[in-house]
PDB file of N, CA and C in Angstrom:
ATOM      1  N   MET A   1     103.606 -77.432  57.066  1.00  0.00           N
ATOM      2  CA  MET A   1     102.231 -77.669  57.436  1.00  0.00           C
ATOM      3  C   MET A   1     101.309 -76.665  56.759  1.00  0.00           C
ATOM      4  N   LYS A   2     101.716 -75.409  56.686  1.00  0.00           N
ATOM      5  CA  LYS A   2     100.861 -74.368  56.115  1.00  0.00           C
ATOM      6  C   LYS A   2     100.504 -74.644  54.659  1.00  0.00           C
ATOM      7  N   GLN A   3     101.431 -75.202  53.879  1.00  0.00           N
ATOM      8  CA  GLN A   3     101.155 -75.453  52.468  1.00  0.00           C
ATOM      9  C   GLN A   3     100.320 -76.724  52.262  1.00  0.00           C
ATOM     10  N   ASN A   4     100.138 -77.534  53.306  1.00  0.00           N
ATOM     11  CA  ASN A   4      99.414 -78.797  53.172  1.00  0.00           C
ATOM     12  C   ASN A   4      98.028 -78.794  53.796  1.00  0.00           C
ATOM     13  N   THR A   5      97.753 -77.816  54.642  1.00  0.00           N
ATOM     14  CA  THR A   5      96.433 -77.693  55.278  1.00  0.00           C
ATOM     15  C   THR A   5      96.033 -76.220  55.263  1.00  0.00           C
ATOM     16  N   PRO A   6      94.770 -75.947  54.973  1.00  0.00           N
ATOM     17  CA  PRO A   6      94.347 -74.544  54.915  1.00  0.00           C
ATOM     18  C   PRO A   6      94.211 -73.917  56.300  1.00  0.00           C
ATOM     19  N   ALA A   7      94.355 -72.611  56.360  1.00  0.00           N
ATOM     20  CA  ALA A   7      94.123 -71.883  57.613  1.00  0.00           C
ATOM     21  C   ALA A   7      92.725 -72.202  58.101  1.00  0.00           C
ATOM     22  N   GLY A   8      92.595 -72.396  59.392  1.00  0.00           N
ATOM     23  CA  GLY A   8      91.309 -72.708  59.986  1.00  0.00           C
ATOM     24  C   GLY A   8      90.970 -74.189  59.992  1.00  0.00           C
ATOM     25  N   ALA A   9      91.810 -75.017  59.383  1.00  0.00           N
ATOM     26  CA  ALA A   9      91.550 -76.455  59.323  1.00  0.00           C
ATOM     27  C   ALA A   9      91.641 -77.073  60.713  1.00  0.00           C
ATOM     28  N   CYS A  10      90.926 -78.168  60.886  1.00  0.00           N
ATOM     29  CA  CYS A  10      90.953 -78.920  62.136  1.00  0.00           C
ATOM     30  C   CYS A  10      91.787 -80.177  61.921  1.00  0.00           C
ATOM     31  N   LEU A  11      92.812 -80.356  62.757  1.00  0.00           N
ATOM     32  CA  LEU A  11      93.730 -81.483  62.632  1.00  0.00           C
ATOM     33  C   LEU A  11      93.759 -82.297  63.918  1.00  0.00           C
ATOM     34  N   ALA A  12      93.858 -83.606  63.769  1.00  0.00           N
ATOM     35  CA  ALA A  12      94.164 -84.496  64.882  1.00  0.00           C
ATOM     36  C   ALA A  12      95.620 -84.907  64.718  1.00  0.00           C
ATOM     37  N   ILE A  13      96.345 -84.939  65.823  1.00  0.00           N
ATOM     38  CA  ILE A  13      97.774 -85.230  65.777  1.00  0.00           C
ATOM     39  C   ILE A  13      98.078 -86.374  66.732  1.00  0.00           C
ATOM     40  N   ALA A  14      98.698 -87.439  66.221  1.00  0.00           N
ATOM     41  CA  ALA A  14      99.146 -88.534  67.082  1.00  0.00           C
ATOM     42  C   ALA A  14     100.296 -87.989  67.909  1.00  0.00           C
ATOM     43  N   SER A  15      99.997 -87.643  69.146  1.00  0.00           N
ATOM     44  CA  SER A  15     100.896 -86.791  69.917  1.00  0.00           C
ATOM     45  C   SER A  15     101.458 -87.396  71.193  1.00  0.00           C
ATOM     46  N   LYS A  16     100.989 -88.563  71.603  1.00  0.00           N
ATOM     47  CA  LYS A  16     101.372 -89.160  72.884  1.00  0.00           C
ATOM     48  C   LYS A  16     101.141 -88.177  74.032  1.00  0.00           C
ATOM     49  N   GLY A  17     100.197 -87.261  73.857  1.00  0.00           N
ATOM     50  CA  GLY A  17      99.863 -86.314  74.910  1.00  0.00           C
ATOM     51  C   GLY A  17     100.718 -85.063  74.957  1.00  0.00           C
ATOM     52  N   ASP A  18     101.618 -84.886  74.006  1.00  0.00           N
ATOM     53  CA  ASP A  18     102.503 -83.724  73.976  1.00  0.00           C
ATOM     54  C   ASP A  18     101.742 -82.499  73.471  1.00  0.00           C
ATOM     55  N   ASP A  19     101.360 -81.617  74.380  1.00  0.00           N
ATOM     56  CA  ASP A  19     100.589 -80.431  74.015  1.00  0.00           C
ATOM     57  C   ASP A  19     101.360 -79.488  73.086  1.00  0.00           C
ATOM     58  N   GLU A  20     102.680 -79.516  73.128  1.00  0.00           N
ATOM     59  CA  GLU A  20     103.469 -78.641  72.252  1.00  0.00           C
ATOM     60  C   GLU A  20     103.255 -78.984  70.780  1.00  0.00           C
ATOM     61  N   LEU A  21     102.996 -80.253  70.475  1.00  0.00           N
ATOM     62  CA  LEU A  21     102.747 -80.642  69.084  1.00  0.00           C
ATOM     63  C   LEU A  21     101.457 -80.039  68.543  1.00  0.00           C
ATOM     64  N   LEU A  22     100.580 -79.621  69.441  1.00  0.00           N
ATOM     65  CA  LEU A  22      99.300 -79.061  69.021  1.00  0.00           C
ATOM     66  C   LEU A  22      99.374 -77.566  68.728  1.00  0.00           C
ATOM     67  N   GLN A  23     100.505 -76.964  68.949  1.00  0.00           N
ATOM     68  CA  GLN A  23     100.660 -75.523  68.758  1.00  0.00           C
ATOM     69  C   GLN A  23     100.927 -75.197  67.285  1.00  0.00           C
ATOM     70  N   LEU A  24      99.880 -75.200  66.492  1.00  0.00           N
ATOM     71  CA  LEU A  24      99.991 -74.888  65.073  1.00  0.00           C
ATOM     72  C   LEU A  24      99.217 -73.613  64.790  1.00  0.00           C
ATOM     73  N   GLU A  25      99.897 -72.681  64.201  1.00  0.00           N
ATOM     74  CA  GLU A  25      99.313 -71.377  63.898  1.00  0.00           C
ATOM     75  C   GLU A  25      98.120 -71.511  62.956  1.00  0.00           C
ATOM     76  N   GLN A  26      97.037 -70.851  63.312  1.00  0.00           N
ATOM     77  CA  GLN A  26      95.819 -70.769  62.493  1.00  0.00           C
ATOM     78  C   GLN A  26      95.205 -72.140  62.188  1.00  0.00           C
ATOM     79  N   ARG A  27      95.407 -73.116  63.082  1.00  0.00           N
ATOM     80  CA  ARG A  27      94.814 -74.431  62.920  1.00  0.00           C
ATOM     81  C   ARG A  27      94.175 -74.837  64.247  1.00  0.00           C
ATOM     82  N   GLU A  28      93.016 -75.477  64.165  1.00  0.00           N
ATOM     83  CA  GLU A  28      92.408 -76.073  65.353  1.00  0.00           C
ATOM     84  C   GLU A  28      92.990 -77.472  65.467  1.00  0.00           C
ATOM     85  N   THR A  29      93.463 -77.841  66.635  1.00  0.00           N
ATOM     86  CA  THR A  29      94.123 -79.136  66.792  1.00  0.00           C
ATOM     87  C   THR A  29      93.553 -79.894  67.979  1.00  0.00           C
ATOM     88  N   ARG A  30      93.732 -81.193  67.911  1.00  0.00           N
ATOM     89  CA  ARG A  30      93.386 -82.068  69.031  1.00  0.00           C
ATOM     90  C   ARG A  30      94.308 -83.272  68.990  1.00  0.00           C
ATOM     91  N   HIS A  31      94.413 -83.926  70.123  1.00  0.00           N
ATOM     92  CA  HIS A  31      95.241 -85.125  70.195  1.00  0.00           C
ATOM     93  C   HIS A  31      94.575 -86.284  69.456  1.00  0.00           C
ATOM     94  N   PHE A  32      95.386 -87.248  69.082  1.00  0.00           N
ATOM     95  CA  PHE A  32      94.877 -88.516  68.567  1.00  0.00           C
ATOM     96  C   PHE A  32      95.665 -89.624  69.233  1.00  0.00           C
ATOM     97  N   PRO A  33      94.994 -90.550  69.895  1.00  0.00           N
ATOM     98  CA  PRO A  33      93.556 -90.610  70.136  1.00  0.00           C
ATOM     99  C   PRO A  33      93.138 -89.612  71.211  1.00  0.00           C
ATOM    100  N   CYS A  34      91.882 -89.183  71.111  1.00  0.00           N
ATOM    101  CA  CYS A  34      91.394 -88.168  72.046  1.00  0.00           C
ATOM    102  C   CYS A  34      90.028 -88.531  72.594  1.00  0.00           C
ATOM    103  N   ASP A  35      89.653 -87.799  73.655  1.00  0.00           N
ATOM    104  CA  ASP A  35      88.302 -87.944  74.191  1.00  0.00           C
ATOM    105  C   ASP A  35      87.384 -86.984  73.437  1.00  0.00           C
ATOM    106  N   ASP A  36      86.167 -86.833  73.895  1.00  0.00           N
ATOM    107  CA  ASP A  36      85.192 -85.977  73.208  1.00  0.00           C
ATOM    108  C   ASP A  36      85.566 -84.499  73.224  1.00  0.00           C
ATOM    109  N   HIS A  37      86.548 -84.129  74.055  1.00  0.00           N
ATOM    110  CA  HIS A  37      86.967 -82.731  74.154  1.00  0.00           C
ATOM    111  C   HIS A  37      88.326 -82.482  73.496  1.00  0.00           C
ATOM    112  N   GLY A  38      88.862 -83.481  72.795  1.00  0.00           N
ATOM    113  CA  GLY A  38      90.126 -83.327  72.097  1.00  0.00           C
ATOM    114  C   GLY A  38      91.351 -83.574  72.949  1.00  0.00           C
ATOM    115  N   ARG A  39      91.142 -84.013  74.198  1.00  0.00           N
ATOM    116  CA  ARG A  39      92.271 -84.282  75.099  1.00  0.00           C
ATOM    117  C   ARG A  39      92.788 -85.701  74.887  1.00  0.00           C
ATOM    118  N   TYR A  40      94.077 -85.864  75.059  1.00  0.00           N
ATOM    119  CA  TYR A  40      94.711 -87.175  74.909  1.00  0.00           C
ATOM    120  C   TYR A  40      94.089 -88.164  75.896  1.00  0.00           C
ATOM    121  N   VAL A  41      93.760 -89.361  75.412  1.00  0.00           N
ATOM    122  CA  VAL A  41      93.119 -90.359  76.269  1.00  0.00           C
ATOM    123  C   VAL A  41      94.095 -91.067  77.209  1.00  0.00           C
ATOM    124  N   GLY A  42      95.398 -90.950  76.938  1.00  0.00           N
ATOM    125  CA  GLY A  42      96.393 -91.518  77.838  1.00  0.00           C
ATOM    126  C   GLY A  42      96.902 -92.897  77.453  1.00  0.00           C
ATOM    127  N   TYR A  43      96.470 -93.406  76.319  1.00  0.00           N
ATOM    128  CA  TYR A  43      96.921 -94.729  75.873  1.00  0.00           C
ATOM    129  C   TYR A  43      96.745 -94.836  74.367  1.00  0.00           C
ATOM    130  N   HIS A  44      97.439 -95.809  73.783  1.00  0.00           N
ATOM    131  CA  HIS A  44      97.280 -96.106  72.360  1.00  0.00           C
ATOM    132  C   HIS A  44      96.114 -97.072  72.184  1.00  0.00           C
ATOM    133  N   PRO A  45      95.499 -97.103  71.016  1.00  0.00           N
ATOM    134  CA  PRO A  45      94.419 -98.061  70.775  1.00  0.00           C
ATOM    135  C   PRO A  45      94.891 -99.494  71.018  1.00  0.00           C
ATOM    136  N   ALA A  46      93.982-100.320  71.464  1.00  0.00           N
ATOM    137  CA  ALA A  46      94.314-101.719  71.736  1.00  0.00           C
ATOM    138  C   ALA A  46      94.637-102.484  70.461  1.00  0.00           C
ATOM    139  N   ASP A  47      93.975-102.090  69.362  1.00  0.00           N
ATOM    140  CA  ASP A  47      94.182-102.790  68.100  1.00  0.00           C
ATOM    141  C   ASP A  47      93.769-101.876  66.944  1.00  0.00           C
ATOM    142  N   ALA A  48      93.928-102.382  65.735  1.00  0.00           N
ATOM    143  CA  ALA A  48      93.620-101.579  64.543  1.00  0.00           C
ATOM    144  C   ALA A  48      92.144-101.208  64.485  1.00  0.00           C
ATOM    145  N   ALA A  49      91.268-102.118  64.922  1.00  0.00           N
ATOM    146  CA  ALA A  49      89.832-101.817  64.885  1.00  0.00           C
ATOM    147  C   ALA A  49      89.509-100.601  65.751  1.00  0.00           C
ATOM    148  N   GLU A  50      90.134-100.505  66.915  1.00  0.00           N
ATOM    149  CA  GLU A  50      89.903 -99.338  67.769  1.00  0.00           C
ATOM    150  C   GLU A  50      90.470 -98.073  67.130  1.00  0.00           C
ATOM    151  N   ALA A  51      91.641 -98.170  66.512  1.00  0.00           N
ATOM    152  CA  ALA A  51      92.238 -97.005  65.848  1.00  0.00           C
ATOM    153  C   ALA A  51      91.336 -96.520  64.711  1.00  0.00           C
ATOM    154  N   ILE A  52      90.788 -97.458  63.943  1.00  0.00           N
ATOM    155  CA  ILE A  52      89.877 -97.097  62.846  1.00  0.00           C
ATOM    156  C   ILE A  52      88.609 -96.467  63.400  1.00  0.00           C
ATOM    157  N   ALA A  53      88.060 -97.039  64.456  1.00  0.00           N
ATOM    158  CA  ALA A  53      86.855 -96.466  65.069  1.00  0.00           C
ATOM    159  C   ALA A  53      87.105 -95.041  65.551  1.00  0.00           C
ATOM    160  N   ARG A  54      88.284 -94.789  66.084  1.00  0.00           N
ATOM    161  CA  ARG A  54      88.613 -93.431  66.547  1.00  0.00           C
ATOM    162  C   ARG A  54      88.743 -92.458  65.371  1.00  0.00           C
ATOM    163  N   ILE A  55      89.305 -92.920  64.256  1.00  0.00           N
ATOM    164  CA  ILE A  55      89.383 -92.066  63.055  1.00  0.00           C
ATOM    165  C   ILE A  55      87.988 -91.783  62.530  1.00  0.00           C
ATOM    166  N   GLN A  56      87.148 -92.796  62.481  1.00  0.00           N
ATOM    167  CA  GLN A  56      85.783 -92.604  61.997  1.00  0.00           C
ATOM    168  C   GLN A  56      85.014 -91.628  62.886  1.00  0.00           C
ATOM    169  N   ALA A  57      85.237 -91.683  64.186  1.00  0.00           N
ATOM    170  CA  ALA A  57      84.593 -90.735  65.102  1.00  0.00           C
ATOM    171  C   ALA A  57      85.079 -89.314  64.825  1.00  0.00           C
ATOM    172  N   LEU A  58      86.365 -89.158  64.543  1.00  0.00           N
ATOM    173  CA  LEU A  58      86.901 -87.835  64.212  1.00  0.00           C
ATOM    174  C   LEU A  58      86.300 -87.325  62.907  1.00  0.00           C
ATOM    175  N   GLN A  59      86.170 -88.216  61.926  1.00  0.00           N
ATOM    176  CA  GLN A  59      85.566 -87.824  60.653  1.00  0.00           C
ATOM    177  C   GLN A  59      84.142 -87.318  60.873  1.00  0.00           C
ATOM    178  N   LYS A  60      83.371 -88.038  61.672  1.00  0.00           N
ATOM    179  CA  LYS A  60      81.998 -87.625  61.970  1.00  0.00           C
ATOM    180  C   LYS A  60      81.956 -86.306  62.728  1.00  0.00           C
ATOM    181  N   ALA A  61      82.985 -86.054  63.528  1.00  0.00           N
ATOM    182  CA  ALA A  61      83.056 -84.817  64.314  1.00  0.00           C
ATOM    183  C   ALA A  61      83.549 -83.629  63.492  1.00  0.00           C
ATOM    184  N   GLY A  62      83.940 -83.872  62.236  1.00  0.00           N
ATOM    185  CA  GLY A  62      84.364 -82.782  61.368  1.00  0.00           C
ATOM    186  C   GLY A  62      85.852 -82.504  61.329  1.00  0.00           C
ATOM    187  N   VAL A  63      86.657 -83.381  61.937  1.00  0.00           N
ATOM    188  CA  VAL A  63      88.110 -83.209  61.856  1.00  0.00           C
ATOM    189  C   VAL A  63      88.524 -83.473  60.415  1.00  0.00           C
ATOM    190  N   GLU A  64      89.333 -82.581  59.861  1.00  0.00           N
ATOM    191  CA  GLU A  64      89.658 -82.635  58.435  1.00  0.00           C
ATOM    192  C   GLU A  64      90.946 -83.364  58.093  1.00  0.00           C
ATOM    193  N   PHE A  65      91.919 -83.353  59.012  1.00  0.00           N
ATOM    194  CA  PHE A  65      93.229 -83.928  58.715  1.00  0.00           C
ATOM    195  C   PHE A  65      93.759 -84.709  59.910  1.00  0.00           C
ATOM    196  N   LEU A  66      94.586 -85.704  59.612  1.00  0.00           N
ATOM    197  CA  LEU A  66      95.330 -86.452  60.618  1.00  0.00           C
ATOM    198  C   LEU A  66      96.801 -86.277  60.324  1.00  0.00           C
ATOM    199  N   LEU A  67      97.572 -85.913  61.335  1.00  0.00           N
ATOM    200  CA  LEU A  67      99.022 -85.847  61.219  1.00  0.00           C
ATOM    201  C   LEU A  67      99.614 -86.986  62.031  1.00  0.00           C
ATOM    202  N   LEU A  68     100.352 -87.855  61.349  1.00  0.00           N
ATOM    203  CA  LEU A  68     101.156 -88.864  62.024  1.00  0.00           C
ATOM    204  C   LEU A  68     102.591 -88.374  61.977  1.00  0.00           C
ATOM    205  N   PRO A  69     103.073 -87.778  63.071  1.00  0.00           N
ATOM    206  CA  PRO A  69     104.457 -87.302  63.084  1.00  0.00           C
ATOM    207  C   PRO A  69     105.434 -88.463  62.886  1.00  0.00           C
ATOM    208  N   LYS A  70     106.657 -88.141  62.542  1.00  0.00           N
ATOM    209  CA  LYS A  70     107.675 -89.175  62.336  1.00  0.00           C
ATOM    210  C   LYS A  70     107.721 -90.136  63.512  1.00  0.00           C
ATOM    211  N   SER A  71     107.582 -89.609  64.725  1.00  0.00           N
ATOM    212  CA  SER A  71     107.661 -90.447  65.925  1.00  0.00           C
ATOM    213  C   SER A  71     106.481 -91.410  66.050  1.00  0.00           C
ATOM    214  N   SER A  72     105.442 -91.231  65.239  1.00  0.00           N
ATOM    215  CA  SER A  72     104.260 -92.098  65.307  1.00  0.00           C
ATOM    216  C   SER A  72     104.041 -92.920  64.043  1.00  0.00           C
ATOM    217  N   LEU A  73     104.971 -92.902  63.130  1.00  0.00           N
ATOM    218  CA  LEU A  73     104.797 -93.663  61.888  1.00  0.00           C
ATOM    219  C   LEU A  73     104.773 -95.172  62.129  1.00  0.00           C
ATOM    220  N   TRP A  74     105.233 -95.610  63.285  1.00  0.00           N
ATOM    221  CA  TRP A  74     105.169 -97.033  63.621  1.00  0.00           C
ATOM    222  C   TRP A  74     103.723 -97.535  63.617  1.00  0.00           C
ATOM    223  N   TRP A  75     102.762 -96.628  63.816  1.00  0.00           N
ATOM    224  CA  TRP A  75     101.348 -97.018  63.779  1.00  0.00           C
ATOM    225  C   TRP A  75     101.022 -97.739  62.475  1.00  0.00           C
ATOM    226  N   LEU A  76     101.609 -97.307  61.375  1.00  0.00           N
ATOM    227  CA  LEU A  76     101.278 -97.860  60.058  1.00  0.00           C
ATOM    228  C   LEU A  76     101.696 -99.322  59.920  1.00  0.00           C
ATOM    229  N   ASN A  77     102.684 -99.745  60.677  1.00  0.00           N
ATOM    230  CA  ASN A  77     103.092-101.155  60.686  1.00  0.00           C
ATOM    231  C   ASN A  77     102.374-101.931  61.780  1.00  0.00           C
ATOM    232  N   TYR A  78     102.315-101.363  62.956  1.00  0.00           N
ATOM    233  CA  TYR A  78     101.729-102.057  64.097  1.00  0.00           C
ATOM    234  C   TYR A  78     100.224-102.266  63.927  1.00  0.00           C
ATOM    235  N   TYR A  79      99.547-101.226  63.446  1.00  0.00           N
ATOM    236  CA  TYR A  79      98.107-101.286  63.192  1.00  0.00           C
ATOM    237  C   TYR A  79      97.893-101.398  61.677  1.00  0.00           C
ATOM    238  N   TYR A  80      98.260-102.534  61.128  1.00  0.00           N
ATOM    239  CA  TYR A  80      98.269-102.701  59.673  1.00  0.00           C
ATOM    240  C   TYR A  80      96.914-102.376  59.041  1.00  0.00           C
ATOM    241  N   GLU A  81      95.822-102.878  59.620  1.00  0.00           N
ATOM    242  CA  GLU A  81      94.498-102.630  59.048  1.00  0.00           C
ATOM    243  C   GLU A  81      94.149-101.139  59.109  1.00  0.00           C
ATOM    244  N   PHE A  82      94.672-100.453  60.098  1.00  0.00           N
ATOM    245  CA  PHE A  82      94.513 -98.995  60.203  1.00  0.00           C
ATOM    246  C   PHE A  82      95.187 -98.324  59.009  1.00  0.00           C
ATOM    247  N   ALA A  83      96.400 -98.763  58.680  1.00  0.00           N
ATOM    248  CA  ALA A  83      97.117 -98.220  57.523  1.00  0.00           C
ATOM    249  C   ALA A  83      96.336 -98.482  56.237  1.00  0.00           C
ATOM    250  N   VAL A  84      95.761 -99.665  56.112  1.00  0.00           N
ATOM    251  CA  VAL A  84      94.950 -99.996  54.934  1.00  0.00           C
ATOM    252  C   VAL A  84      93.730 -99.086  54.875  1.00  0.00           C
ATOM    253  N   TYR A  85      93.090 -98.869  56.021  1.00  0.00           N
ATOM    254  CA  TYR A  85      91.926 -97.977  56.067  1.00  0.00           C
ATOM    255  C   TYR A  85      92.310 -96.566  55.603  1.00  0.00           C
ATOM    256  N   LEU A  86      93.418 -96.063  56.123  1.00  0.00           N
ATOM    257  CA  LEU A  86      93.857 -94.725  55.701  1.00  0.00           C
ATOM    258  C   LEU A  86      94.104 -94.693  54.197  1.00  0.00           C
ATOM    259  N   ASP A  87      94.789 -95.701  53.677  1.00  0.00           N
ATOM    260  CA  ASP A  87      95.081 -95.738  52.244  1.00  0.00           C
ATOM    261  C   ASP A  87      93.806 -95.763  51.398  1.00  0.00           C
ATOM    262  N   GLN A  88      92.770 -96.436  51.888  1.00  0.00           N
ATOM    263  CA  GLN A  88      91.542 -96.580  51.115  1.00  0.00           C
ATOM    264  C   GLN A  88      90.565 -95.415  51.287  1.00  0.00           C
ATOM    265  N   HIS A  89      90.590 -94.763  52.439  1.00  0.00           N
ATOM    266  CA  HIS A  89      89.553 -93.772  52.746  1.00  0.00           C
ATOM    267  C   HIS A  89      90.058 -92.364  53.042  1.00  0.00           C
ATOM    268  N   CYS A  90      91.353 -92.206  53.240  1.00  0.00           N
ATOM    269  CA  CYS A  90      91.901 -90.912  53.668  1.00  0.00           C
ATOM    270  C   CYS A  90      93.146 -90.597  52.833  1.00  0.00           C
ATOM    271  N   PRO A  91      92.973 -89.863  51.766  1.00  0.00           N
ATOM    272  CA  PRO A  91      94.133 -89.587  50.902  1.00  0.00           C
ATOM    273  C   PRO A  91      95.281 -88.929  51.663  1.00  0.00           C
ATOM    274  N   ARG A  92      96.482 -89.407  51.400  1.00  0.00           N
ATOM    275  CA  ARG A  92      97.667 -88.784  52.008  1.00  0.00           C
ATOM    276  C   ARG A  92      97.971 -87.531  51.200  1.00  0.00           C
ATOM    277  N   VAL A  93      97.962 -86.392  51.863  1.00  0.00           N
ATOM    278  CA  VAL A  93      98.207 -85.132  51.167  1.00  0.00           C
ATOM    279  C   VAL A  93      99.661 -84.695  51.269  1.00  0.00           C
ATOM    280  N   ALA A  94     100.398 -85.305  52.201  1.00  0.00           N
ATOM    281  CA  ALA A  94     101.818 -84.968  52.323  1.00  0.00           C
ATOM    282  C   ALA A  94     102.556 -86.096  53.018  1.00  0.00           C
ATOM    283  N   GLN A  95     103.777 -86.303  52.571  1.00  0.00           N
ATOM    284  CA  GLN A  95     104.704 -87.224  53.216  1.00  0.00           C
ATOM    285  C   GLN A  95     106.004 -86.443  53.339  1.00  0.00           C
ATOM    286  N   LEU A  96     106.210 -85.872  54.515  1.00  0.00           N
ATOM    287  CA  LEU A  96     107.316 -84.959  54.727  1.00  0.00           C
ATOM    288  C   LEU A  96     108.401 -85.619  55.570  1.00  0.00           C
ATOM    289  N   ALA A  97     109.609 -85.656  55.060  1.00  0.00           N
ATOM    290  CA  ALA A  97     110.704 -86.341  55.744  1.00  0.00           C
ATOM    291  C   ALA A  97     110.951 -85.782  57.138  1.00  0.00           C
ATOM    292  N   THR A  98     110.765 -84.488  57.319  1.00  0.00           N
ATOM    293  CA  THR A  98     111.047 -83.876  58.616  1.00  0.00           C
ATOM    294  C   THR A  98     109.852 -83.858  59.555  1.00  0.00           C
ATOM    295  N   LEU A  99     108.648 -84.073  59.025  1.00  0.00           N
ATOM    296  CA  LEU A  99     107.441 -83.937  59.837  1.00  0.00           C
ATOM    297  C   LEU A  99     106.697 -85.254  60.014  1.00  0.00           C
ATOM    298  N   GLY A 100     106.376 -85.919  58.939  1.00  0.00           N
ATOM    299  CA  GLY A 100     105.582 -87.144  58.982  1.00  0.00           C
ATOM    300  C   GLY A 100     104.579 -87.158  57.856  1.00  0.00           C
ATOM    301  N   HIS A 101     103.463 -87.849  58.059  1.00  0.00           N
ATOM    302  CA  HIS A 101     102.430 -87.983  57.035  1.00  0.00           C
ATOM    303  C   HIS A 101     101.184 -87.213  57.445  1.00  0.00           C
ATOM    304  N   ILE A 102     100.552 -86.577  56.455  1.00  0.00           N
ATOM    305  CA  ILE A 102      99.300 -85.869  56.680  1.00  0.00           C
ATOM    306  C   ILE A 102      98.245 -86.514  55.789  1.00  0.00           C
ATOM    307  N   TYR A 103      97.123 -86.885  56.405  1.00  0.00           N
ATOM    308  CA  TYR A 103      96.012 -87.520  55.696  1.00  0.00           C
ATOM    309  C   TYR A 103      94.796 -86.612  55.746  1.00  0.00           C
ATOM    310  N   ARG A 104      94.039 -86.586  54.653  1.00  0.00           N
ATOM    311  CA  ARG A 104      92.786 -85.833  54.609  1.00  0.00           C
ATOM    312  C   ARG A 104      91.678 -86.760  55.098  1.00  0.00           C
ATOM    313  N   LEU A 105      90.977 -86.351  56.152  1.00  0.00           N
ATOM    314  CA  LEU A 105      89.904 -87.160  56.702  1.00  0.00           C
ATOM    315  C   LEU A 105      88.562 -86.839  56.082  1.00  0.00           C
ATOM    316  N   LYS A 106      88.413 -85.662  55.560  1.00  0.00           N
ATOM    317  CA  LYS A 106      87.167 -85.241  54.926  1.00  0.00           C
ATOM    318  C   LYS A 106      87.432 -85.068  53.435  1.00  0.00           C
ATOM    319  N   PRO A 107      86.400 -85.279  52.609  1.00  0.00           N
ATOM    320  CA  PRO A 107      86.589 -85.050  51.171  1.00  0.00           C
ATOM    321  C   PRO A 107      87.001 -83.611  50.875  1.00  0.00           C
ATOM    322  N   ALA A 108      87.764 -83.438  49.808  1.00  0.00           N
ATOM    323  CA  ALA A 108      88.233 -82.086  49.425  1.00  0.00           C
ATOM    324  C   ALA A 108      87.057 -81.195  49.064  1.00  0.00           C
TER     325      ALA A 108
END
C-alpha cells in the first residue's frame, strides 16, 4: 500500500464495516460505501448507479483512492457499470494479488 499511495492520502476501502481494514499507517481512511462522516452505511449499493453516485460523492469530497480488497472484487462483476465507470474515470494504480485493486479517484 505504501508504494501505491502517498503518505497523507485519503482512501475509501470497500470494507463491509470492518474497522481493522481502515488501519493504514499515515493514511486517512473511510469505509466504502460510507455516510458523510466516513462510517460504513451498513449495506451494499442497490445497483451500479448507486455505487457510481457514491464514488462521485467521494471524489467531490476529496477522497483520492479507492481500495477494493480481494474480498470485494466481486463488485466489478456484480456492478458491471460501476466497473466500466472505474475503468473510464479512475485509473487503476495497482492490482495486487494479495491485497486487491487500488484506483485513483482524483487526477494525479
